[in-house]
Amino acid sequence: MVSALGRAEGRETRVPIRGVRKHTAQAMVQSAFTAPHVTTFHTVDVTATMDLIASLREDRALAGTRIGPLVVAAKAVCLALTRTPALNSRWDEEAGEIVQYHYVDLGIAAATERGLIVPNIREAQDMTLTELAASLASLTETARAGKTSPAELAGGTFSITNIGVFGVDAGTPILPPGQSGILALGAVRRQPWEYKGEIALRQVMTLSLSFDHRIVDGAEGARFLKDVADILEEPGRAMLMR
């Protein structure tokens, strides 16, 4: 049986490279050979975040609002970017400048039948947790329906990819062109972990941060990743940041 997108030739099938997949491939190659990528990893106990999510899902006032680890991570990223703005910047080769954004258009990588796309949540820094959840749900529904517009794919200042939904723990995500940082969220797993001086079963996630080393140095990347991890480990820490 041959896919409608391809043609059979003996023992192989050829699928034309076009549309979203062609655009994504060109962008990823451009990024990989233009920006010097560095990836750093941090594994964090997210039990408190998962407890928070469970309690929010039981709140009748939030019925119909789906808040999961990706939404909480999105809020944590917006807060952490205020402390490490280099991750919310781009390298302008022509002008010989680093452009630092004072807003966050948050890209969310989405796997669709047409290939990987990264639509953006505009002005994410001003959104509450519930507003981020609603925007993410709308973005995901539109992407899966193949109705994401070019305008929704344009721009973007920082991105998140949730590889945990595929059961993957960590990876080295490639930067979207024009961005200096992308964060990959690994799967949440129950495993033995040191907690209050003892070994306990905790819910643990690995964060993978890739960044453009022309703009972001190692200390800045580590500080940003630690800020995100601290919020996921103790969501109450978000109250201390602005």
C-alpha atoms as a PDB file:
ATOM      1  CA  MET A   1       0.000   0.000   0.000  1.00  0.00           C
ATOM      2  CA  VAL A   2       1.381   3.412  -0.942  1.00  0.00           C
ATOM      3  CA  SER A   3       0.782   6.684   0.895  1.00  0.00           C
ATOM      4  CA  ALA A   4      -1.080   9.346  -1.033  1.00  0.00           C
ATOM      5  CA  LEU A   5       1.948  11.566  -0.442  1.00  0.00           C
ATOM      6  CA  GLY A   6       4.454   9.235  -2.056  1.00  0.00           C
ATOM      7  CA  ARG A   7       5.039   6.788  -4.881  1.00  0.00           C
ATOM      8  CA  ALA A   8       6.318   3.209  -4.786  1.00  0.00           C
ATOM      9  CA  GLU A   9       9.463   2.254  -6.645  1.00  0.00           C
ATOM     10  CA  GLY A  10      10.249  -1.398  -6.096  1.00  0.00           C
ATOM     11  CA  ARG A  11      11.291  -1.881  -2.487  1.00  0.00           C
ATOM     12  CA  GLU A  12      11.150   1.793  -1.478  1.00  0.00           C
ATOM     13  CA  THR A  13       8.698   4.669  -1.304  1.00  0.00           C
ATOM     14  CA  ARG A  14       9.651   8.243  -2.179  1.00  0.00           C
ATOM     15  CA  VAL A  15       7.889  11.099  -0.400  1.00  0.00           C
ATOM     16  CA  PRO A  16       8.277  14.639  -1.799  1.00  0.00           C
ATOM     17  CA  ILE A  17       9.915  17.096   0.603  1.00  0.00           C
ATOM     18  CA  ARG A  18       7.674  20.129   0.622  1.00  0.00           C
ATOM     19  CA  GLY A  19       5.449  22.357   2.715  1.00  0.00           C
ATOM     20  CA  VAL A  20       5.980  22.483   6.463  1.00  0.00           C
ATOM     21  CA  ARG A  21       8.519  19.658   6.520  1.00  0.00           C
ATOM     22  CA  LYS A  22      10.712  21.362   3.901  1.00  0.00           C
ATOM     23  CA  HIS A  23      10.519  24.701   5.699  1.00  0.00           C
ATOM     24  CA  THR A  24      11.342  23.088   9.070  1.00  0.00           C
ATOM     25  CA  ALA A  25      14.281  21.160   7.639  1.00  0.00           C
ATOM     26  CA  GLN A  26      15.775  24.277   6.036  1.00  0.00           C
ATOM     27  CA  ALA A  27      15.356  26.250   9.261  1.00  0.00           C
ATOM     28  CA  MET A  28      16.942  23.554  11.427  1.00  0.00           C
ATOM     29  CA  VAL A  29      19.947  23.154   9.111  1.00  0.00           C
ATOM     30  CA  GLN A  30      20.412  26.926   9.030  1.00  0.00           C
ATOM     31  CA  SER A  31      20.267  27.090  12.828  1.00  0.00           C
ATOM     32  CA  ALA A  32      22.596  24.130  13.426  1.00  0.00           C
ATOM     33  CA  PHE A  33      25.314  25.555  11.159  1.00  0.00           C
ATOM     34  CA  THR A  34      24.932  29.213  12.173  1.00  0.00           C
ATOM     35  CA  ALA A  35      24.587  29.321  15.962  1.00  0.00           C
ATOM     36  CA  PRO A  36      27.123  27.509  18.181  1.00  0.00           C
ATOM     37  CA  HIS A  37      24.802  25.283  20.204  1.00  0.00           C
ATOM     38  CA  VAL A  38      25.502  24.313  23.800  1.00  0.00           C
ATOM     39  CA  THR A  39      23.175  22.000  25.745  1.00  0.00           C
ATOM     40  CA  THR A  40      23.085  21.684  29.518  1.00  0.00           C
ATOM     41  CA  PHE A  41      20.956  19.347  31.626  1.00  0.00           C
ATOM     42  CA  HIS A  42      19.405  19.457  35.076  1.00  0.00           C
ATOM     43  CA  THR A  43      17.290  16.797  36.789  1.00  0.00           C
ATOM     44  CA  VAL A  44      14.775  18.123  39.291  1.00  0.00           C
ATOM     45  CA  ASP A  45      12.253  16.800  41.805  1.00  0.00           C
ATOM     46  CA  VAL A  46       8.896  18.076  40.494  1.00  0.00           C
ATOM     47  CA  THR A  47       6.712  16.338  43.089  1.00  0.00           C
ATOM     48  CA  ALA A  48       5.454  19.686  44.452  1.00  0.00           C
ATOM     49  CA  THR A  49       4.530  20.831  40.930  1.00  0.00           C
ATOM     50  CA  MET A  50       2.650  17.590  40.253  1.00  0.00           C
ATOM     51  CA  ASP A  51       0.812  17.965  43.581  1.00  0.00           C
ATOM     52  CA  LEU A  52      -0.126  21.532  42.628  1.00  0.00           C
ATOM     53  CA  ILE A  53      -1.421  20.360  39.244  1.00  0.00           C
ATOM     54  CA  ALA A  54      -3.500  17.630  40.909  1.00  0.00           C
ATOM     55  CA  SER A  55      -5.063  20.128  43.308  1.00  0.00           C
ATOM     56  CA  LEU A  56      -5.845  22.590  40.511  1.00  0.00           C
ATOM     57  CA  ARG A  57      -7.564  19.866  38.515  1.00  0.00           C
ATOM     58  CA  GLU A  58      -9.848  19.215  41.465  1.00  0.00           C
ATOM     59  CA  ASP A  59     -10.802  22.894  41.721  1.00  0.00           C
ATOM     60  CA  ARG A  60     -14.333  23.340  40.363  1.00  0.00           C
ATOM     61  CA  ALA A  61     -13.574  26.954  39.480  1.00  0.00           C
ATOM     62  CA  LEU A  62     -11.006  25.681  36.974  1.00  0.00           C
ATOM     63  CA  ALA A  63     -13.239  23.063  35.362  1.00  0.00           C
ATOM     64  CA  GLY A  64     -12.382  22.801  31.671  1.00  0.00           C
ATOM     65  CA  THR A  65      -8.933  24.348  32.157  1.00  0.00           C
ATOM     66  CA  ARG A  66      -6.173  21.808  31.584  1.00  0.00           C
ATOM     67  CA  ILE A  67      -3.065  22.723  33.536  1.00  0.00           C
ATOM     68  CA  GLY A  68      -0.167  20.293  33.150  1.00  0.00           C
ATOM     69  CA  PRO A  69       3.625  20.332  33.566  1.00  0.00           C
ATOM     70  CA  LEU A  70       4.091  22.172  30.247  1.00  0.00           C
ATOM     71  CA  VAL A  71       1.895  25.068  31.411  1.00  0.00           C
ATOM     72  CA  VAL A  72       3.708  25.387  34.734  1.00  0.00           C
ATOM     73  CA  ALA A  73       7.060  25.201  32.930  1.00  0.00           C
ATOM     74  CA  ALA A  74       5.914  27.933  30.527  1.00  0.00           C
ATOM     75  CA  LYS A  75       5.159  30.219  33.473  1.00  0.00           C
ATOM     76  CA  ALA A  76       8.500  29.334  35.076  1.00  0.00           C
ATOM     77  CA  VAL A  77      10.322  30.157  31.822  1.00  0.00           C
ATOM     78  CA  CYS A  78       8.654  33.576  31.557  1.00  0.00           C
ATOM     79  CA  LEU A  79       9.697  34.396  35.117  1.00  0.00           C
ATOM     80  CA  ALA A  80      13.241  33.076  34.674  1.00  0.00           C
ATOM     81  CA  LEU A  81      13.754  35.096  31.483  1.00  0.00           C
ATOM     82  CA  THR A  82      13.341  38.330  33.441  1.00  0.00           C
ATOM     83  CA  ARG A  83      16.461  37.382  35.428  1.00  0.00           C
ATOM     84  CA  THR A  84      18.486  36.137  32.450  1.00  0.00           C
ATOM     85  CA  PRO A  85      17.374  38.255  29.458  1.00  0.00           C
ATOM     86  CA  ALA A  86      20.219  36.955  27.274  1.00  0.00           C
ATOM     87  CA  LEU A  87      18.067  33.832  26.722  1.00  0.00           C
ATOM     88  CA  ASN A  88      15.373  36.089  25.280  1.00  0.00           C
ATOM     89  CA  SER A  89      17.557  37.656  22.585  1.00  0.00           C
ATOM     90  CA  ARG A  90      18.767  37.127  19.039  1.00  0.00           C
ATOM     91  CA  TRP A  91      22.012  37.641  17.136  1.00  0.00           C
ATOM     92  CA  ASP A  92      21.654  40.194  14.304  1.00  0.00           C
ATOM     93  CA  GLU A  93      24.610  39.451  12.039  1.00  0.00           C
ATOM     94  CA  GLU A  94      23.841  42.220   9.539  1.00  0.00           C
ATOM     95  CA  ALA A  95      23.597  44.972  12.124  1.00  0.00           C
ATOM     96  CA  GLY A  96      26.364  43.580  14.292  1.00  0.00           C
ATOM     97  CA  GLU A  97      24.041  43.730  17.308  1.00  0.00           C
ATOM     98  CA  ILE A  98      22.408  41.531  19.920  1.00  0.00           C
ATOM     99  CA  VAL A  99      18.677  42.283  19.977  1.00  0.00           C
ATOM    100  CA  GLN A 100      17.208  41.875  23.457  1.00  0.00           C
ATOM    101  CA  TYR A 101      13.434  41.479  23.640  1.00  0.00           C
ATOM    102  CA  HIS A 102      11.368  43.078  26.384  1.00  0.00           C
ATOM    103  CA  TYR A 103       8.488  40.662  25.814  1.00  0.00           C
ATOM    104  CA  VAL A 104       8.176  36.890  25.489  1.00  0.00           C
ATOM    105  CA  ASP A 105       6.612  35.340  22.402  1.00  0.00           C
ATOM    106  CA  LEU A 106       6.828  31.755  23.622  1.00  0.00           C
ATOM    107  CA  GLY A 107       7.226  29.084  20.948  1.00  0.00           C
ATOM    108  CA  ILE A 108       5.722  25.671  21.719  1.00  0.00           C
ATOM    109  CA  ALA A 109       7.024  22.861  19.507  1.00  0.00           C
ATOM    110  CA  ALA A 110       4.148  20.716  18.242  1.00  0.00           C
ATOM    111  CA  ALA A 111       4.387  17.434  16.318  1.00  0.00           C
ATOM    112  CA  THR A 112       1.731  17.301  13.597  1.00  0.00           C
ATOM    113  CA  GLU A 113       0.990  15.117  10.590  1.00  0.00           C
ATOM    114  CA  ARG A 114       2.631  17.821   8.470  1.00  0.00           C
ATOM    115  CA  GLY A 115       5.809  17.743  10.555  1.00  0.00           C
ATOM    116  CA  LEU A 116       7.206  19.714  13.476  1.00  0.00           C
ATOM    117  CA  ILE A 117       5.960  23.287  13.830  1.00  0.00           C
ATOM    118  CA  VAL A 118       6.594  25.924  16.505  1.00  0.00           C
ATOM    119  CA  PRO A 119       3.618  28.297  16.870  1.00  0.00           C
ATOM    120  CA  ASN A 120       3.923  31.112  19.398  1.00  0.00           C
ATOM    121  CA  ILE A 121       1.995  32.312  22.431  1.00  0.00           C
ATOM    122  CA  ARG A 122       2.209  36.082  22.049  1.00  0.00           C
ATOM    123  CA  GLU A 123       3.061  38.271  25.066  1.00  0.00           C
ATOM    124  CA  ALA A 124       3.267  35.191  27.291  1.00  0.00           C
ATOM    125  CA  GLN A 125       5.037  37.160  30.027  1.00  0.00           C
ATOM    126  CA  ASP A 126       1.778  38.926  30.917  1.00  0.00           C
ATOM    127  CA  MET A 127      -0.347  35.772  31.202  1.00  0.00           C
ATOM    128  CA  THR A 128      -1.547  34.000  34.311  1.00  0.00           C
ATOM    129  CA  LEU A 129      -1.288  30.228  34.626  1.00  0.00           C
ATOM    130  CA  THR A 130      -4.894  29.782  33.457  1.00  0.00           C
ATOM    131  CA  GLU A 131      -4.405  32.152  30.518  1.00  0.00           C
ATOM    132  CA  LEU A 132      -1.308  30.219  29.458  1.00  0.00           C
ATOM    133  CA  ALA A 133      -3.287  26.976  29.720  1.00  0.00           C
ATOM    134  CA  ALA A 134      -6.073  28.357  27.510  1.00  0.00           C
ATOM    135  CA  SER A 135      -3.596  29.705  24.938  1.00  0.00           C
ATOM    136  CA  LEU A 136      -1.701  26.415  24.862  1.00  0.00           C
ATOM    137  CA  ALA A 137      -4.916  24.408  24.378  1.00  0.00           C
ATOM    138  CA  SER A 138      -6.001  26.656  21.505  1.00  0.00           C
ATOM    139  CA  LEU A 139      -2.551  26.572  19.904  1.00  0.00           C
ATOM    140  CA  THR A 140      -2.378  22.771  20.113  1.00  0.00           C
ATOM    141  CA  GLU A 141      -5.881  22.268  18.691  1.00  0.00           C
ATOM    142  CA  THR A 142      -5.155  24.595  15.778  1.00  0.00           C
ATOM    143  CA  ALA A 143      -1.811  22.908  15.052  1.00  0.00           C
ATOM    144  CA  ARG A 144      -3.281  19.396  15.059  1.00  0.00           C
ATOM    145  CA  ALA A 145      -6.042  20.535  12.725  1.00  0.00           C
ATOM    146  CA  GLY A 146      -3.403  21.843  10.312  1.00  0.00           C
ATOM    147  CA  LYS A 147      -4.784  25.380  10.547  1.00  0.00           C
ATOM    148  CA  THR A 148      -1.783  27.182  12.034  1.00  0.00           C
ATOM    149  CA  SER A 149      -1.197  30.373  10.046  1.00  0.00           C
ATOM    150  CA  PRO A 150       2.227  31.641   8.897  1.00  0.00           C
ATOM    151  CA  ALA A 151       1.779  34.608  11.256  1.00  0.00           C
ATOM    152  CA  GLU A 152       1.488  32.234  14.223  1.00  0.00           C
ATOM    153  CA  LEU A 153       4.767  30.586  13.217  1.00  0.00           C
ATOM    154  CA  ALA A 154       6.661  33.830  12.664  1.00  0.00           C
ATOM    155  CA  GLY A 155       8.839  35.435  15.294  1.00  0.00           C
ATOM    156  CA  GLY A 156       9.137  33.795  18.662  1.00  0.00           C
ATOM    157  CA  THR A 157      11.717  34.795  21.252  1.00  0.00           C
ATOM    158  CA  PHE A 158      12.193  31.539  23.223  1.00  0.00           C
ATOM    159  CA  SER A 159      10.812  28.018  22.785  1.00  0.00           C
ATOM    160  CA  ILE A 160       9.807  24.935  24.764  1.00  0.00           C
ATOM    161  CA  THR A 161       9.559  21.379  23.452  1.00  0.00           C
ATOM    162  CA  ASN A 162       7.838  18.705  25.522  1.00  0.00           C
ATOM    163  CA  ILE A 163       9.693  15.515  24.624  1.00  0.00           C
ATOM    164  CA  GLY A 164       8.342  13.863  27.768  1.00  0.00           C
ATOM    165  CA  VAL A 165       5.041  13.108  26.016  1.00  0.00           C
ATOM    166  CA  PHE A 166       6.996  10.560  23.939  1.00  0.00           C
ATOM    167  CA  GLY A 167       8.490   8.944  27.041  1.00  0.00           C
ATOM    168  CA  VAL A 168      11.888  10.557  26.430  1.00  0.00           C
ATOM    169  CA  ASP A 169      13.971  11.816  29.364  1.00  0.00           C
ATOM    170  CA  ALA A 170      16.429  14.234  27.736  1.00  0.00           C
ATOM    171  CA  GLY A 171      17.805  15.443  24.425  1.00  0.00           C
ATOM    172  CA  THR A 172      19.674  18.212  22.638  1.00  0.00           C
ATOM    173  CA  PRO A 173      16.993  20.411  21.033  1.00  0.00           C
ATOM    174  CA  ILE A 174      18.019  22.564  18.063  1.00  0.00           C
ATOM    175  CA  LEU A 175      17.418  26.288  18.366  1.00  0.00           C
ATOM    176  CA  PRO A 176      14.694  27.767  16.183  1.00  0.00           C
ATOM    177  CA  PRO A 177      16.335  30.373  13.903  1.00  0.00           C
ATOM    178  CA  GLY A 178      16.470  33.817  15.508  1.00  0.00           C
ATOM    179  CA  GLN A 179      16.248  32.502  19.073  1.00  0.00           C
ATOM    180  CA  SER A 180      18.992  32.055  21.647  1.00  0.00           C
ATOM    181  CA  GLY A 181      17.332  29.410  23.817  1.00  0.00           C
ATOM    182  CA  ILE A 182      15.061  26.352  23.767  1.00  0.00           C
ATOM    183  CA  LEU A 183      14.079  24.181  26.727  1.00  0.00           C
ATOM    184  CA  ALA A 184      13.154  20.486  26.434  1.00  0.00           C
ATOM    185  CA  LEU A 185      10.974  18.934  29.149  1.00  0.00           C
ATOM    186  CA  GLY A 186      11.593  15.244  29.804  1.00  0.00           C
ATOM    187  CA  ALA A 187       9.156  12.622  31.049  1.00  0.00           C
ATOM    188  CA  VAL A 188       8.034  12.809  34.677  1.00  0.00           C
ATOM    189  CA  ARG A 189       9.062   9.548  36.351  1.00  0.00           C
ATOM    190  CA  ARG A 190       8.642   8.147  39.865  1.00  0.00           C
ATOM    191  CA  GLN A 191      12.035   7.085  41.140  1.00  0.00           C
ATOM    192  CA  PRO A 192      14.106   6.885  44.327  1.00  0.00           C
ATOM    193  CA  TRP A 193      15.397  10.340  45.258  1.00  0.00           C
ATOM    194  CA  GLU A 194      17.065  11.953  48.230  1.00  0.00           C
ATOM    195  CA  TYR A 195      14.438  13.929  50.127  1.00  0.00           C
ATOM    196  CA  LYS A 196      14.952  15.539  53.535  1.00  0.00           C
ATOM    197  CA  GLY A 197      17.947  13.336  54.261  1.00  0.00           C
ATOM    198  CA  GLU A 198      16.222  10.088  53.308  1.00  0.00           C
ATOM    199  CA  ILE A 199      15.504   8.096  50.143  1.00  0.00           C
ATOM    200  CA  ALA A 200      11.914   8.378  48.967  1.00  0.00           C
ATOM    201  CA  LEU A 201       9.915   7.766  45.795  1.00  0.00           C
ATOM    202  CA  ARG A 202       9.618  11.172  44.118  1.00  0.00           C
ATOM    203  CA  GLN A 203       8.447  12.475  40.741  1.00  0.00           C
ATOM    204  CA  VAL A 204      11.490  13.567  38.762  1.00  0.00           C
ATOM    205  CA  MET A 205      12.020  15.348  35.436  1.00  0.00           C
ATOM    206  CA  THR A 206      15.134  16.193  33.395  1.00  0.00           C
ATOM    207  CA  LEU A 207      15.361  19.634  31.786  1.00  0.00           C
ATOM    208  CA  SER A 208      17.550  20.092  28.680  1.00  0.00           C
ATOM    209  CA  LEU A 209      18.486  23.652  27.717  1.00  0.00           C
ATOM    210  CA  SER A 210      20.136  24.471  24.384  1.00  0.00           C
ATOM    211  CA  PHE A 211      21.430  27.995  23.892  1.00  0.00           C
ATOM    212  CA  ASP A 212      23.421  30.146  21.462  1.00  0.00           C
ATOM    213  CA  HIS A 213      26.901  30.479  22.938  1.00  0.00           C
ATOM    214  CA  ARG A 214      27.506  33.708  21.021  1.00  0.00           C
ATOM    215  CA  ILE A 215      24.905  35.390  23.224  1.00  0.00           C
ATOM    216  CA  VAL A 216      24.615  33.252  26.352  1.00  0.00           C
ATOM    217  CA  ASP A 217      27.613  32.181  28.404  1.00  0.00           C
ATOM    218  CA  GLY A 218      27.693  29.046  30.538  1.00  0.00           C
ATOM    219  CA  ALA A 219      26.968  30.851  33.798  1.00  0.00           C
ATOM    220  CA  GLU A 220      23.884  32.552  32.335  1.00  0.00           C
ATOM    221  CA  GLY A 221      22.585  29.281  30.920  1.00  0.00           C
ATOM    222  CA  ALA A 222      23.106  27.533  34.258  1.00  0.00           C
ATOM    223  CA  ARG A 223      21.415  30.350  36.193  1.00  0.00           C
ATOM    224  CA  PHE A 224      18.376  30.321  33.933  1.00  0.00           C
ATOM    225  CA  LEU A 225      18.055  26.542  34.113  1.00  0.00           C
ATOM    226  CA  LYS A 226      18.406  26.618  37.903  1.00  0.00           C
ATOM    227  CA  ASP A 227      15.697  29.306  38.173  1.00  0.00           C
ATOM    228  CA  VAL A 228      13.265  27.200  36.118  1.00  0.00           C
ATOM    229  CA  ALA A 229      14.164  24.094  38.141  1.00  0.00           C
ATOM    230  CA  ASP A 230      13.712  25.926  41.460  1.00  0.00           C
ATOM    231  CA  ILE A 231      10.181  26.974  40.505  1.00  0.00           C
ATOM    232  CA  LEU A 232       9.267  23.458  39.368  1.00  0.00           C
ATOM    233  CA  GLU A 233      10.715  22.050  42.589  1.00  0.00           C
ATOM    234  CA  GLU A 234       8.960  24.610  44.795  1.00  0.00           C
ATOM    235  CA  PRO A 235       6.220  26.470  42.853  1.00  0.00           C
ATOM    236  CA  GLY A 236       5.886  28.939  45.726  1.00  0.00           C
ATOM    237  CA  ARG A 237       9.253  30.408  44.701  1.00  0.00           C
ATOM    238  CA  ALA A 238       7.443  32.073  41.810  1.00  0.00           C
ATOM    239  CA  MET A 239       6.051  34.501  44.403  1.00  0.00           C
ATOM    240  CA  LEU A 240       9.604  35.770  44.963  1.00  0.00           C
ATOM    241  CA  MET A 241      10.230  36.590  41.296  1.00  0.00           C
ATOM    242  CA  ARG A 242       9.038  39.376  39.048  1.00  0.00           C
END
